[in-house]
Amino acid sequence: MSKAEAGIQVIPVAGDLLFSTVVEKRAALLSQIKQFQGPCQLDFSAVGRVDSSALSLWFCCERLALAKGIELTAINTPEDLLAIARLVGVEENLH
């Protein structure tokens, strides 16, 4: 069964997630999440470089999804982002 058949919406995240780029990407991601009613995944497979602002982006998306009652999960999370999350003790949020 494909994700679409399972009712899971997948939002691709692409490019670098850095302090200089994350604000623009945040607006686009939040806009997409607002459109969904059911489970949703952020697919990080096309992400390049990340810094700590990428973790902030995740939490913004997670906060909106929680407010809407949407189950949000991360897939293909870059190892650098997982390392930052591990460093601050929130790695379990990205699985």
PDB file of N, CA and C in Angstrom:
ATOM      1  N   MET A   1       0.847  -1.178   0.000  1.00  0.00           N
ATOM      2  CA  MET A   1       0.000   0.000   0.000  1.00  0.00           C
ATOM      3  C   MET A   1       0.889   1.236   0.000  1.00  0.00           C
ATOM      4  N   SER A   2       0.634   2.165  -0.905  1.00  0.00           N
ATOM      5  CA  SER A   2       1.425   3.396  -0.951  1.00  0.00           C
ATOM      6  C   SER A   2       0.989   4.334   0.167  1.00  0.00           C
ATOM      7  N   LYS A   3       1.822   5.317   0.405  1.00  0.00           N
ATOM      8  CA  LYS A   3       1.485   6.286   1.448  1.00  0.00           C
ATOM      9  C   LYS A   3       0.207   7.036   1.111  1.00  0.00           C
ATOM     10  N   ALA A   4       0.023   7.349  -0.165  1.00  0.00           N
ATOM     11  CA  ALA A   4      -1.203   8.047  -0.565  1.00  0.00           C
ATOM     12  C   ALA A   4      -2.422   7.173  -0.277  1.00  0.00           C
ATOM     13  N   GLU A   5      -2.296   5.868  -0.543  1.00  0.00           N
ATOM     14  CA  GLU A   5      -3.412   4.965  -0.277  1.00  0.00           C
ATOM     15  C   GLU A   5      -3.661   4.834   1.220  1.00  0.00           C
ATOM     16  N   ALA A   6      -2.597   4.945   2.009  1.00  0.00           N
ATOM     17  CA  ALA A   6      -2.739   4.845   3.458  1.00  0.00           C
ATOM     18  C   ALA A   6      -3.241   6.164   4.058  1.00  0.00           C
ATOM     19  N   GLY A   7      -3.414   7.177   3.235  1.00  0.00           N
ATOM     20  CA  GLY A   7      -3.913   8.462   3.712  1.00  0.00           C
ATOM     21  C   GLY A   7      -2.859   9.338   4.361  1.00  0.00           C
ATOM     22  N   ILE A   8      -1.596   9.030   4.113  1.00  0.00           N
ATOM     23  CA  ILE A   8      -0.507   9.838   4.682  1.00  0.00           C
ATOM     24  C   ILE A   8      -0.036  10.832   3.632  1.00  0.00           C
ATOM     25  N   GLN A   9      -0.091  12.096   3.974  1.00  0.00           N
ATOM     26  CA  GLN A   9       0.398  13.148   3.093  1.00  0.00           C
ATOM     27  C   GLN A   9       1.900  13.311   3.309  1.00  0.00           C
ATOM     28  N   VAL A  10       2.671  13.403   2.229  1.00  0.00           N
ATOM     29  CA  VAL A  10       4.114  13.580   2.323  1.00  0.00           C
ATOM     30  C   VAL A  10       4.478  14.957   1.790  1.00  0.00           C
ATOM     31  N   ILE A  11       5.191  15.710   2.606  1.00  0.00           N
ATOM     32  CA  ILE A  11       5.657  17.037   2.208  1.00  0.00           C
ATOM     33  C   ILE A  11       7.168  16.964   2.027  1.00  0.00           C
ATOM     34  N   PRO A  12       7.648  17.154   0.798  1.00  0.00           N
ATOM     35  CA  PRO A  12       9.091  17.135   0.595  1.00  0.00           C
ATOM     36  C   PRO A  12       9.736  18.431   1.104  1.00  0.00           C
ATOM     37  N   VAL A  13      10.880  18.271   1.753  1.00  0.00           N
ATOM     38  CA  VAL A  13      11.672  19.412   2.216  1.00  0.00           C
ATOM     39  C   VAL A  13      12.976  19.346   1.436  1.00  0.00           C
ATOM     40  N   ALA A  14      13.349  20.442   0.773  1.00  0.00           N
ATOM     41  CA  ALA A  14      14.526  20.413  -0.091  1.00  0.00           C
ATOM     42  C   ALA A  14      15.442  21.608   0.167  1.00  0.00           C
ATOM     43  N   GLY A  15      16.698  21.411  -0.162  1.00  0.00           N
ATOM     44  CA  GLY A  15      17.676  22.484  -0.050  1.00  0.00           C
ATOM     45  C   GLY A  15      18.336  22.509   1.323  1.00  0.00           C
ATOM     46  N   ASP A  16      19.096  23.554   1.549  1.00  0.00           N
ATOM     47  CA  ASP A  16      19.771  23.726   2.827  1.00  0.00           C
ATOM     48  C   ASP A  16      18.801  24.288   3.863  1.00  0.00           C
ATOM     49  N   LEU A  17      18.904  23.799   5.087  1.00  0.00           N
ATOM     50  CA  LEU A  17      18.100  24.321   6.199  1.00  0.00           C
ATOM     51  C   LEU A  17      19.052  25.028   7.151  1.00  0.00           C
ATOM     52  N   LEU A  18      19.302  26.267   6.826  1.00  0.00           N
ATOM     53  CA  LEU A  18      20.250  27.094   7.563  1.00  0.00           C
ATOM     54  C   LEU A  18      19.550  28.350   8.057  1.00  0.00           C
ATOM     55  N   PHE A  19      20.181  29.042   8.980  1.00  0.00           N
ATOM     56  CA  PHE A  19      19.614  30.268   9.520  1.00  0.00           C
ATOM     57  C   PHE A  19      19.192  31.219   8.402  1.00  0.00           C
ATOM     58  N   SER A  20      19.969  31.268   7.321  1.00  0.00           N
ATOM     59  CA  SER A  20      19.684  32.196   6.224  1.00  0.00           C
ATOM     60  C   SER A  20      18.534  31.747   5.321  1.00  0.00           C
ATOM     61  N   THR A  21      18.095  30.498   5.412  1.00  0.00           N
ATOM     62  CA  THR A  21      17.060  29.997   4.503  1.00  0.00           C
ATOM     63  C   THR A  21      15.804  29.493   5.191  1.00  0.00           C
ATOM     64  N   VAL A  22      15.884  29.254   6.488  1.00  0.00           N
ATOM     65  CA  VAL A  22      14.810  28.522   7.156  1.00  0.00           C
ATOM     66  C   VAL A  22      13.508  29.325   7.292  1.00  0.00           C
ATOM     67  N   VAL A  23      13.577  30.632   7.384  1.00  0.00           N
ATOM     68  CA  VAL A  23      12.351  31.424   7.554  1.00  0.00           C
ATOM     69  C   VAL A  23      11.456  31.286   6.323  1.00  0.00           C
ATOM     70  N   GLU A  24      12.047  31.365   5.155  1.00  0.00           N
ATOM     71  CA  GLU A  24      11.267  31.226   3.924  1.00  0.00           C
ATOM     72  C   GLU A  24      10.680  29.820   3.809  1.00  0.00           C
ATOM     73  N   LYS A  25      11.467  28.827   4.124  1.00  0.00           N
ATOM     74  CA  LYS A  25      10.989  27.447   4.052  1.00  0.00           C
ATOM     75  C   LYS A  25       9.906  27.182   5.094  1.00  0.00           C
ATOM     76  N   ARG A  26      10.032  27.804   6.259  1.00  0.00           N
ATOM     77  CA  ARG A  26       9.037  27.612   7.313  1.00  0.00           C
ATOM     78  C   ARG A  26       7.659  28.061   6.845  1.00  0.00           C
ATOM     79  N   ALA A  27       7.583  29.227   6.224  1.00  0.00           N
ATOM     80  CA  ALA A  27       6.290  29.732   5.762  1.00  0.00           C
ATOM     81  C   ALA A  27       5.646  28.765   4.771  1.00  0.00           C
ATOM     82  N   ALA A  28       6.433  28.226   3.859  1.00  0.00           N
ATOM     83  CA  ALA A  28       5.891  27.301   2.858  1.00  0.00           C
ATOM     84  C   ALA A  28       5.434  25.996   3.508  1.00  0.00           C
ATOM     85  N   LEU A  29       6.231  25.462   4.423  1.00  0.00           N
ATOM     86  CA  LEU A  29       5.853  24.201   5.082  1.00  0.00           C
ATOM     87  C   LEU A  29       4.603  24.364   5.936  1.00  0.00           C
ATOM     88  N   LEU A  30       4.541  25.437   6.703  1.00  0.00           N
ATOM     89  CA  LEU A  30       3.363  25.653   7.551  1.00  0.00           C
ATOM     90  C   LEU A  30       2.110  25.804   6.710  1.00  0.00           C
ATOM     91  N   SER A  31       2.236  26.478   5.589  1.00  0.00           N
ATOM     92  CA  SER A  31       1.096  26.636   4.683  1.00  0.00           C
ATOM     93  C   SER A  31       0.598  25.282   4.190  1.00  0.00           C
ATOM     94  N   GLN A  32       1.529  24.380   3.860  1.00  0.00           N
ATOM     95  CA  GLN A  32       1.127  23.047   3.400  1.00  0.00           C
ATOM     96  C   GLN A  32       0.486  22.242   4.523  1.00  0.00           C
ATOM     97  N   ILE A  33       1.064  22.288   5.700  1.00  0.00           N
ATOM     98  CA  ILE A  33       0.514  21.531   6.827  1.00  0.00           C
ATOM     99  C   ILE A  33      -0.897  21.998   7.157  1.00  0.00           C
ATOM    100  N   LYS A  34      -1.150  23.286   7.028  1.00  0.00           N
ATOM    101  CA  LYS A  34      -2.484  23.828   7.322  1.00  0.00           C
ATOM    102  C   LYS A  34      -3.559  23.223   6.426  1.00  0.00           C
ATOM    103  N   GLN A  35      -3.166  22.723   5.257  1.00  0.00           N
ATOM    104  CA  GLN A  35      -4.127  22.176   4.302  1.00  0.00           C
ATOM    105  C   GLN A  35      -4.549  20.742   4.633  1.00  0.00           C
ATOM    106  N   PHE A  36      -3.789  20.050   5.473  1.00  0.00           N
ATOM    107  CA  PHE A  36      -4.021  18.635   5.715  1.00  0.00           C
ATOM    108  C   PHE A  36      -4.940  18.396   6.899  1.00  0.00           C
ATOM    109  N   GLN A  37      -5.592  17.241   6.851  1.00  0.00           N
ATOM    110  CA  GLN A  37      -6.468  16.827   7.939  1.00  0.00           C
ATOM    111  C   GLN A  37      -5.962  15.577   8.631  1.00  0.00           C
ATOM    112  N   GLY A  38      -5.202  14.741   7.922  1.00  0.00           N
ATOM    113  CA  GLY A  38      -4.766  13.461   8.474  1.00  0.00           C
ATOM    114  C   GLY A  38      -3.264  13.403   8.674  1.00  0.00           C
ATOM    115  N   PRO A  39      -2.730  12.192   8.831  1.00  0.00           N
ATOM    116  CA  PRO A  39      -1.304  12.006   9.087  1.00  0.00           C
ATOM    117  C   PRO A  39      -0.442  12.628   7.990  1.00  0.00           C
ATOM    118  N   CYS A  40       0.697  13.114   8.399  1.00  0.00           N
ATOM    119  CA  CYS A  40       1.576  13.845   7.492  1.00  0.00           C
ATOM    120  C   CYS A  40       3.029  13.500   7.810  1.00  0.00           C
ATOM    121  N   GLN A  41       3.848  13.458   6.769  1.00  0.00           N
ATOM    122  CA  GLN A  41       5.277  13.228   6.941  1.00  0.00           C
ATOM    123  C   GLN A  41       6.066  14.330   6.268  1.00  0.00           C
ATOM    124  N   LEU A  42       7.103  14.791   6.937  1.00  0.00           N
ATOM    125  CA  LEU A  42       8.065  15.684   6.296  1.00  0.00           C
ATOM    126  C   LEU A  42       9.194  14.802   5.795  1.00  0.00           C
ATOM    127  N   ASP A  43       9.439  14.847   4.498  1.00  0.00           N
ATOM    128  CA  ASP A  43      10.478  14.030   3.873  1.00  0.00           C
ATOM    129  C   ASP A  43      11.712  14.894   3.646  1.00  0.00           C
ATOM    130  N   PHE A  44      12.747  14.615   4.426  1.00  0.00           N
ATOM    131  CA  PHE A  44      13.977  15.394   4.385  1.00  0.00           C
ATOM    132  C   PHE A  44      15.010  14.838   3.402  1.00  0.00           C
ATOM    133  N   SER A  45      14.629  13.937   2.507  1.00  0.00           N
ATOM    134  CA  SER A  45      15.603  13.265   1.643  1.00  0.00           C
ATOM    135  C   SER A  45      16.343  14.222   0.702  1.00  0.00           C
ATOM    136  N   ALA A  46      15.768  15.351   0.380  1.00  0.00           N
ATOM    137  CA  ALA A  46      16.416  16.298  -0.538  1.00  0.00           C
ATOM    138  C   ALA A  46      17.073  17.472   0.184  1.00  0.00           C
ATOM    139  N   VAL A  47      17.311  17.319   1.481  1.00  0.00           N
ATOM    140  CA  VAL A  47      17.929  18.390   2.264  1.00  0.00           C
ATOM    141  C   VAL A  47      19.443  18.269   2.185  1.00  0.00           C
ATOM    142  N   GLY A  48      20.092  19.412   2.045  1.00  0.00           N
ATOM    143  CA  GLY A  48      21.548  19.455   2.021  1.00  0.00           C
ATOM    144  C   GLY A  48      22.102  19.731   3.408  1.00  0.00           C
ATOM    145  N   ARG A  49      22.679  20.891   3.574  1.00  0.00           N
ATOM    146  CA  ARG A  49      23.279  21.263   4.852  1.00  0.00           C
ATOM    147  C   ARG A  49      22.206  21.701   5.844  1.00  0.00           C
ATOM    148  N   VAL A  50      22.491  21.461   7.131  1.00  0.00           N
ATOM    149  CA  VAL A  50      21.588  21.888   8.194  1.00  0.00           C
ATOM    150  C   VAL A  50      22.391  22.536   9.314  1.00  0.00           C
ATOM    151  N   ASP A  51      21.706  23.395  10.060  1.00  0.00           N
ATOM    152  CA  ASP A  51      22.244  23.905  11.322  1.00  0.00           C
ATOM    153  C   ASP A  51      21.116  23.829  12.345  1.00  0.00           C
ATOM    154  N   SER A  52      21.312  24.415  13.495  1.00  0.00           N
ATOM    155  CA  SER A  52      20.310  24.289  14.558  1.00  0.00           C
ATOM    156  C   SER A  52      18.963  24.899  14.191  1.00  0.00           C
ATOM    157  N   SER A  53      18.935  25.795  13.222  1.00  0.00           N
ATOM    158  CA  SER A  53      17.643  26.364  12.814  1.00  0.00           C
ATOM    159  C   SER A  53      16.752  25.316  12.156  1.00  0.00           C
ATOM    160  N   ALA A  54      17.336  24.241  11.629  1.00  0.00           N
ATOM    161  CA  ALA A  54      16.540  23.147  11.063  1.00  0.00           C
ATOM    162  C   ALA A  54      15.708  22.473  12.150  1.00  0.00           C
ATOM    163  N   LEU A  55      16.285  22.352  13.334  1.00  0.00           N
ATOM    164  CA  LEU A  55      15.542  21.779  14.457  1.00  0.00           C
ATOM    165  C   LEU A  55      14.398  22.698  14.868  1.00  0.00           C
ATOM    166  N   SER A  56      14.648  23.980  14.849  1.00  0.00           N
ATOM    167  CA  SER A  56      13.595  24.957  15.136  1.00  0.00           C
ATOM    168  C   SER A  56      12.464  24.840  14.115  1.00  0.00           C
ATOM    169  N   LEU A  57      12.826  24.656  12.861  1.00  0.00           N
ATOM    170  CA  LEU A  57      11.825  24.476  11.808  1.00  0.00           C
ATOM    171  C   LEU A  57      10.959  23.256  12.097  1.00  0.00           C
ATOM    172  N   TRP A  58      11.591  22.159  12.479  1.00  0.00           N
ATOM    173  CA  TRP A  58      10.839  20.950  12.816  1.00  0.00           C
ATOM    174  C   TRP A  58       9.836  21.230  13.936  1.00  0.00           C
ATOM    175  N   PHE A  59      10.298  21.909  14.984  1.00  0.00           N
ATOM    176  CA  PHE A  59       9.408  22.169  16.116  1.00  0.00           C
ATOM    177  C   PHE A  59       8.256  23.101  15.742  1.00  0.00           C
ATOM    178  N   CYS A  60       8.490  24.045  14.842  1.00  0.00           N
ATOM    179  CA  CYS A  60       7.385  24.901  14.369  1.00  0.00           C
ATOM    180  C   CYS A  60       6.328  24.061  13.652  1.00  0.00           C
ATOM    181  N   CYS A  61       6.793  23.170  12.795  1.00  0.00           N
ATOM    182  CA  CYS A  61       5.869  22.288  12.064  1.00  0.00           C
ATOM    183  C   CYS A  61       5.150  21.353  13.018  1.00  0.00           C
ATOM    184  N   GLU A  62       5.879  20.804  13.968  1.00  0.00           N
ATOM    185  CA  GLU A  62       5.293  19.882  14.942  1.00  0.00           C
ATOM    186  C   GLU A  62       4.233  20.588  15.804  1.00  0.00           C
ATOM    187  N   ARG A  63       4.516  21.811  16.191  1.00  0.00           N
ATOM    188  CA  ARG A  63       3.581  22.581  17.018  1.00  0.00           C
ATOM    189  C   ARG A  63       2.267  22.830  16.263  1.00  0.00           C
ATOM    190  N   LEU A  64       2.364  23.211  14.979  1.00  0.00           N
ATOM    191  CA  LEU A  64       1.156  23.435  14.181  1.00  0.00           C
ATOM    192  C   LEU A  64       0.377  22.136  14.009  1.00  0.00           C
ATOM    193  N   ALA A  65       1.085  21.069  13.698  1.00  0.00           N
ATOM    194  CA  ALA A  65       0.410  19.778  13.513  1.00  0.00           C
ATOM    195  C   ALA A  65      -0.308  19.362  14.791  1.00  0.00           C
ATOM    196  N   LEU A  66       0.347  19.511  15.918  1.00  0.00           N
ATOM    197  CA  LEU A  66      -0.274  19.165  17.204  1.00  0.00           C
ATOM    198  C   LEU A  66      -1.532  19.995  17.436  1.00  0.00           C
ATOM    199  N   ALA A  67      -1.466  21.277  17.131  1.00  0.00           N
ATOM    200  CA  ALA A  67      -2.627  22.157  17.312  1.00  0.00           C
ATOM    201  C   ALA A  67      -3.794  21.744  16.417  1.00  0.00           C
ATOM    202  N   LYS A  68      -3.476  21.187  15.251  1.00  0.00           N
ATOM    203  CA  LYS A  68      -4.519  20.740  14.316  1.00  0.00           C
ATOM    204  C   LYS A  68      -4.922  19.291  14.536  1.00  0.00           C
ATOM    205  N   GLY A  69      -4.271  18.614  15.471  1.00  0.00           N
ATOM    206  CA  GLY A  69      -4.578  17.211  15.708  1.00  0.00           C
ATOM    207  C   GLY A  69      -4.036  16.288  14.634  1.00  0.00           C
ATOM    208  N   ILE A  70      -2.967  16.710  13.977  1.00  0.00           N
ATOM    209  CA  ILE A  70      -2.350  15.940  12.898  1.00  0.00           C
ATOM    210  C   ILE A  70      -1.134  15.202  13.441  1.00  0.00           C
ATOM    211  N   GLU A  71      -1.033  13.927  13.101  1.00  0.00           N
ATOM    212  CA  GLU A  71       0.170  13.165  13.450  1.00  0.00           C
ATOM    213  C   GLU A  71       1.254  13.519  12.433  1.00  0.00           C
ATOM    214  N   LEU A  72       2.357  14.088  12.894  1.00  0.00           N
ATOM    215  CA  LEU A  72       3.461  14.498  12.024  1.00  0.00           C
ATOM    216  C   LEU A  72       4.689  13.660  12.340  1.00  0.00           C
ATOM    217  N   THR A  73       5.290  13.094  11.302  1.00  0.00           N
ATOM    218  CA  THR A  73       6.532  12.346  11.477  1.00  0.00           C
ATOM    219  C   THR A  73       7.558  12.831  10.462  1.00  0.00           C
ATOM    220  N   ALA A  74       8.816  12.596  10.793  1.00  0.00           N
ATOM    221  CA  ALA A  74       9.926  12.940   9.905  1.00  0.00           C
ATOM    222  C   ALA A  74      10.449  11.665   9.269  1.00  0.00           C
ATOM    223  N   ILE A  75      10.752  11.736   7.974  1.00  0.00           N
ATOM    224  CA  ILE A  75      11.372  10.602   7.299  1.00  0.00           C
ATOM    225  C   ILE A  75      12.624  11.083   6.577  1.00  0.00           C
ATOM    226  N   ASN A  76      13.560  10.183   6.398  1.00  0.00           N
ATOM    227  CA  ASN A  76      14.821  10.488   5.728  1.00  0.00           C
ATOM    228  C   ASN A  76      15.529  11.682   6.373  1.00  0.00           C
ATOM    229  N   THR A  77      15.519  11.701   7.682  1.00  0.00           N
ATOM    230  CA  THR A  77      16.110  12.809   8.437  1.00  0.00           C
ATOM    231  C   THR A  77      17.628  12.794   8.291  1.00  0.00           C
ATOM    232  N   PRO A  78      18.234  13.931   7.905  1.00  0.00           N
ATOM    233  CA  PRO A  78      19.687  13.980   7.754  1.00  0.00           C
ATOM    234  C   PRO A  78      20.401  13.664   9.067  1.00  0.00           C
ATOM    235  N   GLU A  79      21.502  12.954   8.964  1.00  0.00           N
ATOM    236  CA  GLU A  79      22.271  12.584  10.153  1.00  0.00           C
ATOM    237  C   GLU A  79      22.712  13.820  10.934  1.00  0.00           C
ATOM    238  N   ASP A  80      23.056  14.909  10.246  1.00  0.00           N
ATOM    239  CA  ASP A  80      23.470  16.137  10.947  1.00  0.00           C
ATOM    240  C   ASP A  80      22.335  16.702  11.799  1.00  0.00           C
ATOM    241  N   LEU A  81      21.116  16.610  11.296  1.00  0.00           N
ATOM    242  CA  LEU A  81      19.974  17.090  12.070  1.00  0.00           C
ATOM    243  C   LEU A  81      19.721  16.186  13.266  1.00  0.00           C
ATOM    244  N   LEU A  82      19.852  14.883  13.064  1.00  0.00           N
ATOM    245  CA  LEU A  82      19.701  13.958  14.187  1.00  0.00           C
ATOM    246  C   LEU A  82      20.780  14.200  15.246  1.00  0.00           C
ATOM    247  N   ALA A  83      21.988  14.522  14.807  1.00  0.00           N
ATOM    248  CA  ALA A  83      23.078  14.785  15.751  1.00  0.00           C
ATOM    249  C   ALA A  83      22.781  16.030  16.590  1.00  0.00           C
ATOM    250  N   ILE A  84      22.226  17.052  15.974  1.00  0.00           N
ATOM    251  CA  ILE A  84      21.857  18.269  16.717  1.00  0.00           C
ATOM    252  C   ILE A  84      20.753  17.932  17.718  1.00  0.00           C
ATOM    253  N   ALA A  85      19.765  17.168  17.272  1.00  0.00           N
ATOM    254  CA  ALA A  85      18.661  16.783  18.155  1.00  0.00           C
ATOM    255  C   ALA A  85      19.175  15.936  19.319  1.00  0.00           C
ATOM    256  N   ARG A  86      20.105  15.032  19.022  1.00  0.00           N
ATOM    257  CA  ARG A  86      20.702  14.202  20.078  1.00  0.00           C
ATOM    258  C   ARG A  86      21.431  15.068  21.098  1.00  0.00           C
ATOM    259  N   LEU A  87      22.145  16.051  20.608  1.00  0.00           N
ATOM    260  CA  LEU A  87      22.924  16.949  21.463  1.00  0.00           C
ATOM    261  C   LEU A  87      22.041  17.660  22.488  1.00  0.00           C
ATOM    262  N   VAL A  88      20.838  18.026  22.090  1.00  0.00           N
ATOM    263  CA  VAL A  88      19.946  18.749  22.995  1.00  0.00           C
ATOM    264  C   VAL A  88      18.874  17.845  23.622  1.00  0.00           C
ATOM    265  N   GLY A  89      18.975  16.531  23.332  1.00  0.00           N
ATOM    266  CA  GLY A  89      18.103  15.574  24.009  1.00  0.00           C
ATOM    267  C   GLY A  89      16.704  15.453  23.442  1.00  0.00           C
ATOM    268  N   VAL A  90      16.506  15.750  22.158  1.00  0.00           N
ATOM    269  CA  VAL A  90      15.160  15.650  21.583  1.00  0.00           C
ATOM    270  C   VAL A  90      15.132  14.772  20.337  1.00  0.00           C
ATOM    271  N   GLU A  91      16.075  13.869  20.222  1.00  0.00           N
ATOM    272  CA  GLU A  91      16.153  13.020  19.029  1.00  0.00           C
ATOM    273  C   GLU A  91      14.872  12.218  18.798  1.00  0.00           C
ATOM    274  N   GLU A  92      14.242  11.769  19.881  1.00  0.00           N
ATOM    275  CA  GLU A  92      13.026  10.951  19.720  1.00  0.00           C
ATOM    276  C   GLU A  92      11.921  11.705  19.014  1.00  0.00           C
ATOM    277  N   ASN A  93      11.947  13.023  18.999  1.00  0.00           N
ATOM    278  CA  ASN A  93      10.926  13.807  18.294  1.00  0.00           C
ATOM    279  C   ASN A  93      11.030  13.670  16.781  1.00  0.00           C
ATOM    280  N   LEU A  94      12.197  13.259  16.290  1.00  0.00           N
ATOM    281  CA  LEU A  94      12.404  13.185  14.832  1.00  0.00           C
ATOM    282  C   LEU A  94      12.261  11.771  14.292  1.00  0.00           C
ATOM    283  N   HIS A  95      11.655  10.883  15.030  1.00  0.00           N
ATOM    284  CA  HIS A  95      11.453   9.513  14.537  1.00  0.00           C
ATOM    285  C   HIS A  95       9.995   9.191  14.453  1.00  0.00           C
TER     286      HIS A  95
END
